[in-house]
Amino acid sequence: MLQIAFIRENQEKVIKALAKRNIDATSIVAEVVELDEKRRTTQVELDNILSESNKLSKDIGDLMKNGEKAKAEILKMKTVSLKESSKELSEKLDVFANELTQKLYTLPNLPADLVPVGKTPEENLNIFQEGDIPVLHEGAQPHWELIKKYDIVDFELGTKITAPGFPVYKGKGAKLQRALISYFLDKNTAAGYLEYQVPHMVNEASAYGTGQLPDKEGQMYHDAKDDLYLIPTAEVPVTNIFRDVILNENELPVLCTGYTPCFRREAGSWGAHVRGLNRLHQFDKVEIVRIEHPDKSYEALEGMVEHVKSILQELKLPYRILRLCGGDMGFTSAMTYDFEVFSTAQDRWLEISSVSNFETFQANRLKLRFKDKDGKNQLAHTLNGSSLALPRVLAGILENYQTPEGIVIPEVLRPYTGFDLIN
């Protein structure tokens, strides 16, 4: 959530920055500033009344000590009136504060200066590409055919048990899935990330804290009885570990990683681009989260990009990195890099990771702060990244590593799988 003081003092800057997201924020910024002025004015009125009431209480005590009960009774009558006024002002203040908060929830984060202008994914900036695209043998197939051929993922069984988009992994498919999870976690912990196992459901406060609510309410599975949400990513529970926390500056940075299943109620369209593992309602993902000093968060972002690159280099998958344009960035992000793996069998790029800096946007919602050297509380910066999302990585491995004899397992994964070929 954007800080109201920043909006109030930088209205034109906010409007200009949000225009990079193709949003005309002129009217909502004006509404936010007006509500904030009403809130502040009401707060001053309330503070003055409370101050006067406190003074009268002291004067009443002094009069009673001196035996001047008649004068004290007159002042008591005045305090009754002040209490009624303070109650009215408190209720009014709550209304303005709630309205202001709801308005602020509708404003996305401001894009960083390096974020390119653009409206569609086609306008994202390709900043890096590595790896040779393999030349496949005649008769090579997309992964949805390969998983049937080798009987390693069963979509029909998943539909029977649950619904479409909930696959069942089995045999070597299940072992490869587990191998990827273990490998990703080992890479992350070796890089200094502390591993967490977190709940797969969160409360409303957690969903608001990281920005899933109210922006992505329709995409989350919700248990109405207990008012809990199935997580769309480990980012939500892991980052919320630090909700309402004040860290010491010397505790920064904080590095966390965790594996969870992810649940997304994505409305997928028909076509090859969403077939098989390309889009699911339940999938596995390993996440990395960082809590950083504001002065070091963009250096940390570049470090996270290099970390994900090292994983893809070891998997020997052809990939590219995109800096997302304003129109394609997530609601909470100030800057995002997307990693895409090339699927030779599908002849297209598949997104397998997003690495983002949220600056203070999440921290403001979470009240996640650190105490600086002067003893003042400052908002931290939060970052997160997929390291990695499994379905499309698995799709990339199946398609790019296929041979007439079977699917060759990437060398780095063989200690985890215990086999080097799916046939």
Protein backbone atom coordinates (compact mmCIF):
# COMPACT_ATOMS: atom_id res chain seq x y z
CA MET A 1 0.00 0.00 0.00
CA LEU A 2 1.29 3.43 -0.90
CA GLN A 3 2.07 5.73 2.01
CA ILE A 4 -0.46 8.53 2.37
CA ALA A 5 2.20 11.11 3.29
CA PHE A 6 4.05 10.35 0.06
CA ILE A 7 0.87 10.66 -2.01
CA ARG A 8 -0.08 13.93 -0.33
CA GLU A 9 3.33 15.49 -0.95
CA ASN A 10 3.90 14.01 -4.46
CA GLN A 11 0.51 13.99 -6.17
CA GLU A 12 1.76 14.72 -9.69
CA LYS A 13 4.60 12.22 -9.33
CA VAL A 14 2.14 9.48 -8.27
CA ILE A 15 -0.21 10.26 -11.17
CA LYS A 16 2.67 10.24 -13.65
CA ALA A 17 4.10 6.97 -12.28
CA LEU A 18 0.74 5.18 -12.41
CA ALA A 19 0.30 6.36 -15.99
CA LYS A 20 3.15 3.95 -16.77
CA ARG A 21 0.69 1.23 -15.72
CA ASN A 22 -1.86 2.77 -18.12
CA ILE A 23 -3.92 4.05 -15.18
CA ASP A 24 -5.35 7.56 -15.00
CA ALA A 25 -5.13 8.08 -11.25
CA THR A 26 -6.01 11.79 -11.26
CA SER A 27 -9.44 11.44 -9.67
CA ILE A 28 -8.57 8.76 -7.11
CA VAL A 29 -5.46 10.64 -5.98
CA ALA A 30 -7.63 13.73 -5.48
CA GLU A 31 -10.15 11.65 -3.50
CA VAL A 32 -7.40 10.15 -1.36
CA VAL A 33 -5.92 13.57 -0.57
CA GLU A 34 -9.37 14.99 0.24
CA LEU A 35 -10.18 12.09 2.58
CA ASP A 36 -6.81 12.43 4.24
CA GLU A 37 -7.42 16.16 4.81
CA LYS A 38 -10.80 15.41 6.39
CA ARG A 39 -9.20 12.72 8.55
CA ARG A 40 -6.40 14.99 9.69
CA THR A 41 -8.73 17.92 10.40
CA THR A 42 -11.04 15.66 12.41
CA GLN A 43 -8.05 14.25 14.30
CA VAL A 44 -6.94 17.78 15.26
CA GLU A 45 -10.46 18.65 16.47
CA LEU A 46 -10.60 15.45 18.51
CA ASP A 47 -7.13 16.01 19.99
CA ASN A 48 -8.11 19.55 21.02
CA ILE A 49 -11.29 18.35 22.72
CA LEU A 50 -9.47 15.54 24.51
CA SER A 51 -6.80 17.99 25.66
CA GLU A 52 -9.45 20.37 26.95
CA SER A 53 -11.27 17.51 28.66
CA ASN A 54 -8.07 16.39 30.38
CA LYS A 55 -7.41 19.93 31.58
CA LEU A 56 -10.94 20.21 32.96
CA SER A 57 -10.56 16.92 34.80
CA LYS A 58 -7.46 18.27 36.50
CA ASP A 59 -9.23 21.55 37.34
CA ILE A 60 -12.21 19.63 38.77
CA GLY A 61 -9.86 17.66 41.00
CA ASP A 62 -8.21 20.84 42.26
CA LEU A 63 -11.59 22.48 42.97
CA MET A 64 -12.82 19.43 44.87
CA LYS A 65 -9.69 19.45 47.01
CA ASN A 66 -10.31 23.12 47.83
CA GLY A 67 -13.95 22.45 48.72
CA GLU A 68 -15.32 24.43 45.77
CA LYS A 69 -17.92 21.83 44.80
CA ALA A 70 -20.27 24.26 43.05
CA LYS A 71 -17.58 25.38 40.62
CA ALA A 72 -16.53 21.77 40.12
CA GLU A 73 -20.11 20.77 39.19
CA ILE A 74 -20.21 23.48 36.51
CA LEU A 75 -17.02 22.09 34.97
CA LYS A 76 -18.41 18.54 35.17
CA MET A 77 -21.37 19.63 33.04
CA LYS A 78 -18.92 20.94 30.46
CA THR A 79 -16.99 17.66 30.41
CA VAL A 80 -20.21 15.77 29.65
CA SER A 81 -20.68 17.94 26.57
CA LEU A 82 -17.04 17.43 25.56
CA LYS A 83 -17.38 13.63 25.90
CA GLU A 84 -20.38 13.66 23.57
CA SER A 85 -18.45 15.74 21.04
CA SER A 86 -15.39 13.50 21.30
CA LYS A 87 -17.53 10.42 20.72
CA GLU A 88 -19.06 11.96 17.57
CA LEU A 89 -15.64 12.99 16.32
CA SER A 90 -14.17 9.53 17.04
CA GLU A 91 -16.92 7.87 15.01
CA LYS A 92 -16.42 10.41 12.22
CA LEU A 93 -12.66 9.80 12.32
CA ASP A 94 -13.18 6.03 12.02
CA VAL A 95 -15.36 6.54 8.94
CA PHE A 96 -12.79 8.77 7.23
CA ALA A 97 -9.92 6.42 8.17
CA ASN A 98 -11.74 3.34 6.84
CA GLU A 99 -12.74 5.09 3.62
CA LEU A 100 -9.17 6.27 3.15
CA THR A 101 -7.77 2.77 3.71
CA GLN A 102 -10.20 1.26 1.20
CA LYS A 103 -9.23 3.89 -1.39
CA LEU A 104 -5.53 3.22 -0.79
CA TYR A 105 -6.12 -0.50 -1.31
CA THR A 106 -7.22 0.22 -4.89
CA LEU A 107 -3.95 1.95 -5.83
CA PRO A 108 -1.21 -0.36 -7.18
CA ASN A 109 2.47 0.14 -6.48
CA LEU A 110 4.43 2.77 -8.37
CA PRO A 111 6.70 1.35 -11.09
CA ALA A 112 10.41 1.96 -10.63
CA ASP A 113 12.19 4.29 -13.03
CA LEU A 114 13.75 1.37 -14.96
CA VAL A 115 10.35 -0.17 -15.72
CA PRO A 116 9.63 0.27 -19.45
CA VAL A 117 6.44 1.88 -20.69
CA GLY A 118 4.03 -0.58 -22.29
CA LYS A 119 0.58 -2.13 -22.17
CA THR A 120 1.05 -5.76 -23.26
CA PRO A 121 3.52 -8.64 -22.70
CA GLU A 122 4.85 -8.01 -26.20
CA GLU A 123 6.29 -4.72 -24.91
CA ASN A 124 8.35 -6.35 -22.14
CA LEU A 125 12.08 -5.81 -22.49
CA ASN A 126 14.26 -8.84 -23.24
CA ILE A 127 17.43 -8.12 -21.25
CA PHE A 128 19.21 -11.50 -21.31
CA GLN A 129 19.08 -14.83 -23.11
CA GLU A 130 21.23 -17.92 -22.65
CA GLY A 131 21.36 -21.54 -23.77
CA ASP A 132 21.14 -23.25 -27.11
CA ILE A 133 17.71 -24.32 -28.27
CA PRO A 134 18.04 -28.06 -28.91
CA VAL A 135 17.23 -29.61 -32.26
CA LEU A 136 14.80 -32.42 -31.53
CA HIS A 137 14.48 -35.71 -33.33
CA GLU A 138 11.77 -36.29 -35.90
CA GLY A 139 8.46 -37.06 -34.20
CA ALA A 140 9.26 -35.09 -31.03
CA GLN A 141 6.14 -34.34 -29.01
CA PRO A 142 4.81 -31.70 -26.61
CA HIS A 143 4.80 -32.65 -22.94
CA TRP A 144 1.07 -33.47 -22.76
CA GLU A 145 1.71 -36.31 -25.21
CA LEU A 146 4.92 -37.40 -23.48
CA ILE A 147 3.27 -37.74 -20.06
CA LYS A 148 0.69 -40.07 -21.61
CA LYS A 149 3.34 -42.04 -23.46
CA TYR A 150 5.41 -42.61 -20.32
CA ASP A 151 2.45 -42.64 -17.88
CA ILE A 152 3.97 -40.14 -15.43
CA VAL A 153 1.17 -37.57 -14.98
CA ASP A 154 -2.54 -38.41 -15.01
CA PHE A 155 -4.93 -35.54 -15.69
CA GLU A 156 -8.01 -37.73 -15.99
CA LEU A 157 -7.39 -39.25 -12.58
CA GLY A 158 -6.97 -35.77 -11.11
CA THR A 159 -10.29 -34.74 -12.65
CA LYS A 160 -11.95 -37.82 -11.17
CA ILE A 161 -10.58 -37.10 -7.69
CA THR A 162 -11.00 -33.31 -7.74
CA ALA A 163 -11.53 -31.35 -10.98
CA PRO A 164 -9.66 -30.36 -14.13
CA GLY A 165 -6.38 -28.62 -13.38
CA PHE A 166 -5.47 -30.90 -10.44
CA PRO A 167 -3.02 -33.46 -11.89
CA VAL A 168 -1.81 -36.69 -10.29
CA TYR A 169 1.95 -37.35 -10.62
CA LYS A 170 3.00 -40.98 -10.44
CA GLY A 171 6.00 -43.26 -10.76
CA LYS A 172 9.02 -41.52 -12.22
CA GLY A 173 6.92 -38.40 -12.72
CA ALA A 174 6.33 -38.14 -8.97
CA LYS A 175 10.02 -38.83 -8.26
CA LEU A 176 11.12 -36.18 -10.73
CA GLN A 177 8.72 -33.70 -9.14
CA ARG A 178 10.14 -34.48 -5.67
CA ALA A 179 13.69 -34.26 -7.04
CA LEU A 180 13.06 -30.77 -8.40
CA ILE A 181 11.64 -29.58 -5.07
CA SER A 182 14.61 -30.96 -3.12
CA TYR A 183 17.11 -29.58 -5.60
CA PHE A 184 15.56 -26.09 -5.54
CA LEU A 185 15.47 -26.03 -1.73
CA ASP A 186 19.07 -27.23 -1.50
CA LYS A 187 20.20 -24.52 -3.92
CA ASN A 188 18.37 -21.87 -1.92
CA THR A 189 19.60 -22.95 1.50
CA ALA A 190 23.16 -23.20 0.16
CA ALA A 191 22.79 -19.55 -0.90
CA GLY A 192 21.89 -18.54 2.65
CA TYR A 193 18.09 -18.76 2.61
CA LEU A 194 16.51 -20.18 5.76
CA GLU A 195 13.97 -22.90 4.97
CA TYR A 196 10.43 -22.68 6.36
CA GLN A 197 7.50 -25.06 6.23
CA VAL A 198 4.39 -22.90 6.40
CA PRO A 199 0.61 -23.35 6.44
CA HIS A 200 -1.14 -23.76 3.10
CA MET A 201 -4.06 -21.61 4.22
CA VAL A 202 -3.96 -18.02 5.46
CA ASN A 203 -6.35 -15.62 7.12
CA GLU A 204 -7.68 -12.44 5.61
CA ALA A 205 -5.09 -10.23 7.32
CA SER A 206 -2.27 -12.23 5.70
CA ALA A 207 -3.88 -12.00 2.25
CA TYR A 208 -4.25 -8.23 2.64
CA GLY A 209 -0.71 -7.95 3.99
CA THR A 210 0.99 -9.16 0.81
CA GLY A 211 -1.56 -7.61 -1.56
CA GLN A 212 -3.54 -10.64 -2.73
CA LEU A 213 -6.64 -8.96 -1.33
CA PRO A 214 -8.54 -7.12 -2.55
CA ASP A 215 -6.76 -7.29 -5.95
CA LYS A 216 -6.90 -11.07 -6.54
CA GLU A 217 -9.95 -12.04 -4.52
CA GLY A 218 -11.56 -13.90 -7.41
CA GLN A 219 -8.43 -15.97 -8.05
CA MET A 220 -8.13 -17.40 -4.52
CA TYR A 221 -9.95 -20.43 -3.18
CA HIS A 222 -11.86 -19.32 -0.09
CA ASP A 223 -13.29 -21.32 2.81
CA ALA A 224 -16.20 -19.10 3.84
CA LYS A 225 -16.96 -20.96 7.07
CA ASP A 226 -13.54 -20.34 8.62
CA ASP A 227 -12.73 -17.31 6.44
CA LEU A 228 -9.44 -18.81 5.29
CA TYR A 229 -7.78 -18.72 1.87
CA LEU A 230 -5.75 -21.40 0.11
CA ILE A 231 -2.41 -19.82 -0.73
CA PRO A 232 -1.60 -18.84 -4.34
CA THR A 233 2.11 -18.85 -3.49
CA ALA A 234 4.42 -19.41 -0.49
CA GLU A 235 5.17 -15.68 -0.65
CA VAL A 236 1.98 -15.03 1.32
CA PRO A 237 2.59 -17.09 4.50
CA VAL A 238 6.38 -16.63 4.44
CA THR A 239 6.26 -12.83 4.17
CA ASN A 240 3.52 -12.67 6.81
CA ILE A 241 5.92 -14.24 9.31
CA PHE A 242 7.16 -10.67 9.64
CA ARG A 243 3.79 -8.90 9.87
CA ASP A 244 3.77 -6.40 12.78
CA VAL A 245 7.48 -7.05 13.38
CA ILE A 246 10.15 -4.43 14.08
CA LEU A 247 13.61 -5.72 13.17
CA ASN A 248 16.93 -4.21 14.17
CA GLU A 249 18.93 -2.82 11.25
CA ASN A 250 21.72 -5.32 11.94
CA GLU A 251 19.24 -8.18 11.41
CA LEU A 252 18.86 -7.22 7.74
CA PRO A 253 18.80 -8.81 5.28
CA VAL A 254 16.42 -11.64 6.14
CA LEU A 255 16.43 -14.51 3.61
CA CYS A 256 13.70 -17.16 3.56
CA THR A 257 12.73 -20.04 1.31
CA GLY A 258 9.90 -22.52 1.34
CA TYR A 259 8.13 -25.14 -0.70
CA THR A 260 4.33 -25.23 -0.89
CA PRO A 261 1.60 -26.34 -3.22
CA CYS A 262 -0.10 -23.33 -4.76
CA PHE A 263 -3.79 -22.96 -5.52
CA ARG A 264 -5.12 -20.58 -8.17
CA ARG A 265 -8.61 -20.31 -9.56
CA GLU A 266 -7.33 -19.14 -12.93
CA ALA A 267 -9.86 -18.86 -15.72
CA GLY A 268 -7.91 -20.59 -18.46
CA SER A 269 -8.92 -20.22 -22.07
CA TRP A 270 -8.88 -23.13 -24.50
CA GLY A 271 -5.89 -23.81 -26.70
CA ALA A 272 -2.41 -25.31 -26.73
CA HIS A 273 -0.98 -22.49 -24.61
CA VAL A 274 -2.93 -23.77 -21.58
CA ARG A 275 -2.77 -27.51 -22.31
CA GLY A 276 -1.13 -30.04 -20.02
CA LEU A 277 1.12 -28.50 -17.38
CA ASN A 278 1.01 -25.02 -18.89
CA ARG A 279 -1.76 -23.83 -16.54
CA LEU A 280 -3.06 -25.60 -13.44
CA HIS A 281 -5.28 -24.90 -10.44
CA GLN A 282 -2.86 -26.70 -8.11
CA PHE A 283 0.88 -26.77 -8.65
CA ASP A 284 4.13 -26.90 -6.67
CA LYS A 285 6.52 -24.02 -6.26
CA VAL A 286 9.63 -23.18 -4.27
CA GLU A 287 9.81 -19.52 -3.27
CA ILE A 288 12.50 -17.15 -2.04
CA VAL A 289 11.65 -14.08 0.06
CA ARG A 290 13.93 -11.28 1.24
CA ILE A 291 13.47 -8.47 3.77
CA GLU A 292 15.94 -5.75 2.87
CA HIS A 293 17.20 -2.32 3.85
CA PRO A 294 15.76 0.20 1.35
CA ASP A 295 19.26 1.24 0.28
CA LYS A 296 20.15 -2.32 -0.73
CA SER A 297 16.95 -3.80 -2.15
CA TYR A 298 17.76 -3.32 -5.84
CA GLU A 299 21.19 -4.81 -5.36
CA ALA A 300 19.39 -7.73 -3.69
CA LEU A 301 16.98 -7.97 -6.62
CA GLU A 302 19.89 -8.38 -9.02
CA GLY A 303 21.35 -11.02 -6.70
CA MET A 304 18.06 -12.96 -6.81
CA VAL A 305 18.10 -12.80 -10.61
CA GLU A 306 21.63 -14.22 -10.65
CA HIS A 307 20.55 -16.96 -8.25
CA VAL A 308 17.68 -18.10 -10.48
CA LYS A 309 20.01 -17.92 -13.48
CA SER A 310 22.41 -20.32 -11.77
CA ILE A 311 19.61 -22.87 -11.33
CA LEU A 312 18.61 -22.73 -14.99
CA GLN A 313 22.24 -22.95 -16.04
CA GLU A 314 22.65 -26.15 -14.02
CA LEU A 315 19.44 -27.56 -15.50
CA LYS A 316 20.85 -26.61 -18.93
CA LEU A 317 17.56 -25.22 -20.16
CA PRO A 318 17.46 -22.38 -22.72
CA TYR A 319 15.97 -19.33 -21.03
CA ARG A 320 15.54 -15.59 -21.29
CA ILE A 321 14.92 -12.78 -18.79
CA LEU A 322 12.35 -10.05 -19.37
CA ARG A 323 11.98 -6.76 -17.53
CA LEU A 324 8.22 -6.33 -17.42
CA CYS A 325 6.62 -3.18 -18.75
CA GLY A 326 4.25 -1.13 -16.60
CA GLY A 327 1.12 -2.65 -18.10
CA ASP A 328 2.22 -6.25 -17.47
CA MET A 329 3.46 -5.95 -13.88
CA GLY A 330 1.66 -7.32 -10.86
CA PHE A 331 -0.36 -5.02 -8.61
CA THR A 332 2.16 -4.97 -5.76
CA SER A 333 5.42 -4.84 -7.72
CA ALA A 334 7.73 -1.88 -8.27
CA MET A 335 9.87 -3.89 -10.69
CA THR A 336 9.64 -7.47 -11.95
CA TYR A 337 11.89 -9.76 -13.95
CA ASP A 338 10.25 -12.76 -15.61
CA PHE A 339 12.23 -15.87 -16.51
CA GLU A 340 11.00 -17.91 -19.45
CA VAL A 341 12.17 -21.34 -20.63
CA PHE A 342 11.96 -22.16 -24.31
CA SER A 343 9.84 -25.19 -25.13
CA THR A 344 11.20 -26.60 -28.36
CA ALA A 345 8.28 -28.99 -28.85
CA GLN A 346 5.74 -26.18 -28.40
CA ASP A 347 7.95 -23.61 -30.15
CA ARG A 348 7.20 -20.98 -27.50
CA TRP A 349 8.52 -19.43 -24.32
CA LEU A 350 7.06 -20.58 -20.99
CA GLU A 351 7.18 -18.36 -17.89
CA ILE A 352 8.76 -20.26 -15.01
CA SER A 353 9.73 -17.51 -12.53
CA SER A 354 8.97 -13.95 -11.50
CA VAL A 355 11.43 -12.04 -9.31
CA SER A 356 10.09 -8.79 -7.88
CA ASN A 357 10.94 -5.86 -5.64
CA PHE A 358 7.89 -4.46 -3.84
CA GLU A 359 9.85 -1.69 -2.09
CA THR A 360 7.70 -0.52 0.89
CA PHE A 361 4.33 -1.47 -0.66
CA GLN A 362 3.87 -4.75 1.23
CA ALA A 363 5.78 -3.56 4.29
CA ASN A 364 3.37 -0.66 4.74
CA ARG A 365 0.43 -3.07 4.78
CA LEU A 366 2.29 -5.53 7.00
CA LYS A 367 3.67 -2.84 9.34
CA LEU A 368 7.04 -4.50 8.77
CA ARG A 369 9.70 -2.09 9.99
CA PHE A 370 13.27 -1.92 11.15
CA LYS A 371 14.90 0.33 13.73
CA ASP A 372 17.63 2.40 12.08
CA LYS A 373 20.89 3.59 13.65
CA ASP A 374 19.14 6.68 15.03
CA GLY A 375 16.50 4.54 16.73
CA LYS A 376 13.75 5.52 14.29
CA ASN A 377 11.36 2.97 12.81
CA GLN A 378 11.56 2.71 9.02
CA LEU A 379 9.61 0.58 6.56
CA ALA A 380 11.66 -2.30 5.14
CA HIS A 381 11.64 -3.39 1.50
CA THR A 382 10.27 -6.83 0.59
CA LEU A 383 11.23 -8.97 -2.39
CA ASN A 384 10.24 -12.40 -3.61
CA GLY A 385 10.87 -14.78 -6.45
CA SER A 386 9.95 -18.20 -7.79
CA SER A 387 12.87 -20.53 -7.39
CA LEU A 388 11.21 -22.24 -9.18
CA ALA A 389 7.64 -22.97 -10.29
CA LEU A 390 7.60 -26.66 -11.12
CA PRO A 391 4.98 -27.35 -13.84
CA ARG A 392 6.60 -25.46 -16.68
CA VAL A 393 10.11 -26.41 -15.60
CA LEU A 394 8.96 -30.02 -15.76
CA ALA A 395 7.35 -29.35 -19.16
CA GLY A 396 10.61 -27.81 -20.38
CA ILE A 397 12.65 -30.78 -19.20
CA LEU A 398 10.29 -33.32 -20.77
CA GLU A 399 10.21 -31.52 -24.12
CA ASN A 400 13.82 -30.35 -24.43
CA TYR A 401 15.39 -33.54 -23.04
CA GLN A 402 13.31 -36.01 -25.06
CA THR A 403 15.09 -38.54 -27.25
CA PRO A 404 13.86 -41.56 -29.23
CA GLU A 405 14.92 -43.71 -26.26
CA GLY A 406 13.09 -41.64 -23.62
CA ILE A 407 13.41 -38.51 -21.46
CA VAL A 408 16.97 -37.91 -20.32
CA ILE A 409 17.16 -36.56 -16.75
CA PRO A 410 19.35 -33.43 -16.37
CA GLU A 411 22.63 -34.43 -14.79
CA VAL A 412 22.20 -32.17 -11.74
CA LEU A 413 18.95 -33.96 -10.84
CA ARG A 414 20.19 -37.54 -11.08
CA PRO A 415 21.44 -37.73 -7.46
CA TYR A 416 17.88 -36.80 -6.44
CA THR A 417 15.95 -39.07 -8.84
CA GLY A 418 18.12 -42.17 -8.67
CA PHE A 419 17.61 -42.72 -12.42
CA ASP A 420 18.82 -40.99 -15.56
CA LEU A 421 16.07 -41.87 -18.04
CA ILE A 422 12.28 -42.01 -18.21
CA ASN A 423 11.31 -44.71 -20.71
